[in-house]
Amino acid sequence: MTAFNYGVKKMVSEPMNVVLVFPTKEQGKEAFWDNIENDGFKTIEHIPKQLIARKDNQNMKITLVNGSTFSLLGTKDPDALRGANGGLYIFSEFVDIPSDVLDIIRP
């Protein structure tokens, strides 16, 4: 959550693409995108509604009013990571992410 909130702060301060990467997109959908926290608050709603221009639940992508984007991707499809053009990548469950993924996003 700390890294996600940092990503939201960065997206607000300057237009950029922030990508949250899980071992699988399905895992990210369950553990993050659709997650309801213990207090009943949805995790994804930590992005204030007034900042959101578009929310695409099918592709798990949010576009902010300043043009920044937040998207959730998985490592099962490395080609999806190639075109993400992230200014900031946040890895969840890092130990389960293949090491060659870093070679894809590093250039």
Protein backbone atom coordinates (compact mmCIF):
# COMPACT_ATOMS: atom_id res chain seq x y z
CA MET A 1 0.00 0.00 0.00
CA THR A 2 2.86 2.36 0.72
CA ALA A 3 4.26 1.98 -2.79
CA PHE A 4 0.79 2.31 -4.34
CA ASN A 5 0.09 5.52 -2.43
CA TYR A 6 3.51 6.84 -3.45
CA GLY A 7 2.58 6.05 -7.06
CA VAL A 8 -0.69 7.98 -6.74
CA LYS A 9 1.23 10.95 -5.32
CA LYS A 10 3.70 10.83 -8.25
CA MET A 11 0.85 10.60 -10.81
CA VAL A 12 -0.78 13.69 -9.34
CA SER A 13 2.42 15.73 -9.22
CA GLU A 14 3.45 14.96 -12.82
CA PRO A 15 1.76 13.10 -15.69
CA MET A 16 3.18 9.57 -15.83
CA ASN A 17 2.26 5.92 -16.24
CA VAL A 18 2.35 3.85 -13.06
CA VAL A 19 2.21 0.08 -13.47
CA LEU A 20 1.43 -2.36 -10.65
CA VAL A 21 2.83 -5.78 -11.54
CA PHE A 22 1.67 -9.07 -10.01
CA PRO A 23 2.88 -12.57 -10.93
CA THR A 24 -0.44 -13.01 -12.76
CA LYS A 25 -3.04 -10.48 -13.81
CA GLU A 26 -5.71 -12.67 -12.21
CA GLN A 27 -3.88 -12.53 -8.88
CA GLY A 28 -3.70 -8.74 -9.14
CA LYS A 29 -7.41 -8.51 -9.88
CA GLU A 30 -8.28 -10.58 -6.83
CA ALA A 31 -5.67 -9.25 -4.40
CA PHE A 32 -5.78 -5.60 -5.42
CA TRP A 33 -8.30 -4.38 -8.01
CA ASP A 34 -11.35 -6.12 -6.47
CA ASN A 35 -9.98 -6.22 -2.91
CA ILE A 36 -12.15 -4.96 -0.07
CA GLU A 37 -10.15 -4.04 3.01
CA ASN A 38 -11.13 -4.94 6.58
CA ASP A 39 -12.91 -1.60 7.02
CA GLY A 40 -15.05 -2.19 3.90
CA PHE A 41 -13.07 0.28 1.77
CA LYS A 42 -12.04 -0.91 -1.71
CA THR A 43 -8.28 -0.73 -2.18
CA ILE A 44 -8.52 0.87 -5.62
CA GLU A 45 -10.61 3.68 -4.13
CA HIS A 46 -7.48 5.09 -2.51
CA ILE A 47 -7.33 7.06 -5.75
CA PRO A 48 -9.76 9.92 -5.05
CA LYS A 49 -12.75 9.94 -7.42
CA GLN A 50 -12.29 13.61 -8.29
CA LEU A 51 -8.89 12.76 -9.83
CA ILE A 52 -10.27 10.02 -12.13
CA ALA A 53 -11.18 10.85 -15.73
CA ARG A 54 -11.76 7.21 -16.80
CA LYS A 55 -11.81 3.83 -15.12
CA ASP A 56 -11.60 0.69 -17.26
CA ASN A 57 -12.41 -2.28 -15.04
CA GLN A 58 -12.00 -4.81 -17.84
CA ASN A 59 -8.40 -3.81 -18.57
CA MET A 60 -7.72 -2.66 -14.98
CA LYS A 61 -6.60 0.80 -16.03
CA ILE A 62 -7.36 4.22 -14.58
CA THR A 63 -6.68 7.53 -16.34
CA LEU A 64 -6.44 10.63 -14.19
CA VAL A 65 -7.67 14.09 -15.22
CA ASN A 66 -4.04 15.20 -15.80
CA GLY A 67 -3.44 12.29 -18.23
CA SER A 68 -1.54 10.03 -15.83
CA THR A 69 -2.43 6.36 -15.95
CA PHE A 70 -2.43 3.56 -13.42
CA SER A 71 -2.61 0.01 -14.72
CA LEU A 72 -2.38 -3.46 -13.26
CA LEU A 73 -0.50 -6.12 -15.24
CA GLY A 74 0.80 -9.64 -14.74
CA THR A 75 4.05 -11.29 -15.74
CA LYS A 76 2.40 -14.20 -17.58
CA ASP A 77 2.25 -11.96 -20.65
CA PRO A 78 5.64 -10.23 -20.82
CA ASP A 79 4.69 -8.46 -24.07
CA ALA A 80 2.06 -6.47 -22.17
CA LEU A 81 4.86 -5.11 -20.00
CA ARG A 82 6.86 -4.03 -23.07
CA GLY A 83 4.31 -1.45 -24.12
CA ALA A 84 3.41 -0.19 -20.66
CA ASN A 85 5.99 2.63 -20.79
CA GLY A 86 5.85 3.00 -17.04
CA GLY A 87 7.51 5.89 -15.28
CA LEU A 88 7.15 3.86 -12.11
CA TYR A 89 6.74 0.09 -11.75
CA ILE A 90 5.51 -1.37 -8.47
CA PHE A 91 6.07 -5.09 -7.99
CA SER A 92 3.84 -7.12 -5.69
CA GLU A 93 4.81 -10.64 -4.63
CA PHE A 94 8.29 -9.89 -5.98
CA VAL A 95 9.70 -13.28 -5.00
CA ASP A 96 7.22 -14.96 -7.40
CA ILE A 97 8.04 -12.73 -10.37
CA PRO A 98 10.44 -14.20 -12.97
CA SER A 99 13.79 -12.39 -13.00
CA ASP A 100 13.71 -11.87 -16.77
CA VAL A 101 10.79 -9.46 -16.31
CA LEU A 102 13.26 -6.84 -15.11
CA ASP A 103 15.10 -7.12 -18.44
CA ILE A 104 11.85 -6.33 -20.24
CA ILE A 105 11.10 -3.11 -18.39
CA ARG A 106 14.63 -1.84 -17.74
CA PRO A 107 15.45 -0.35 -21.20
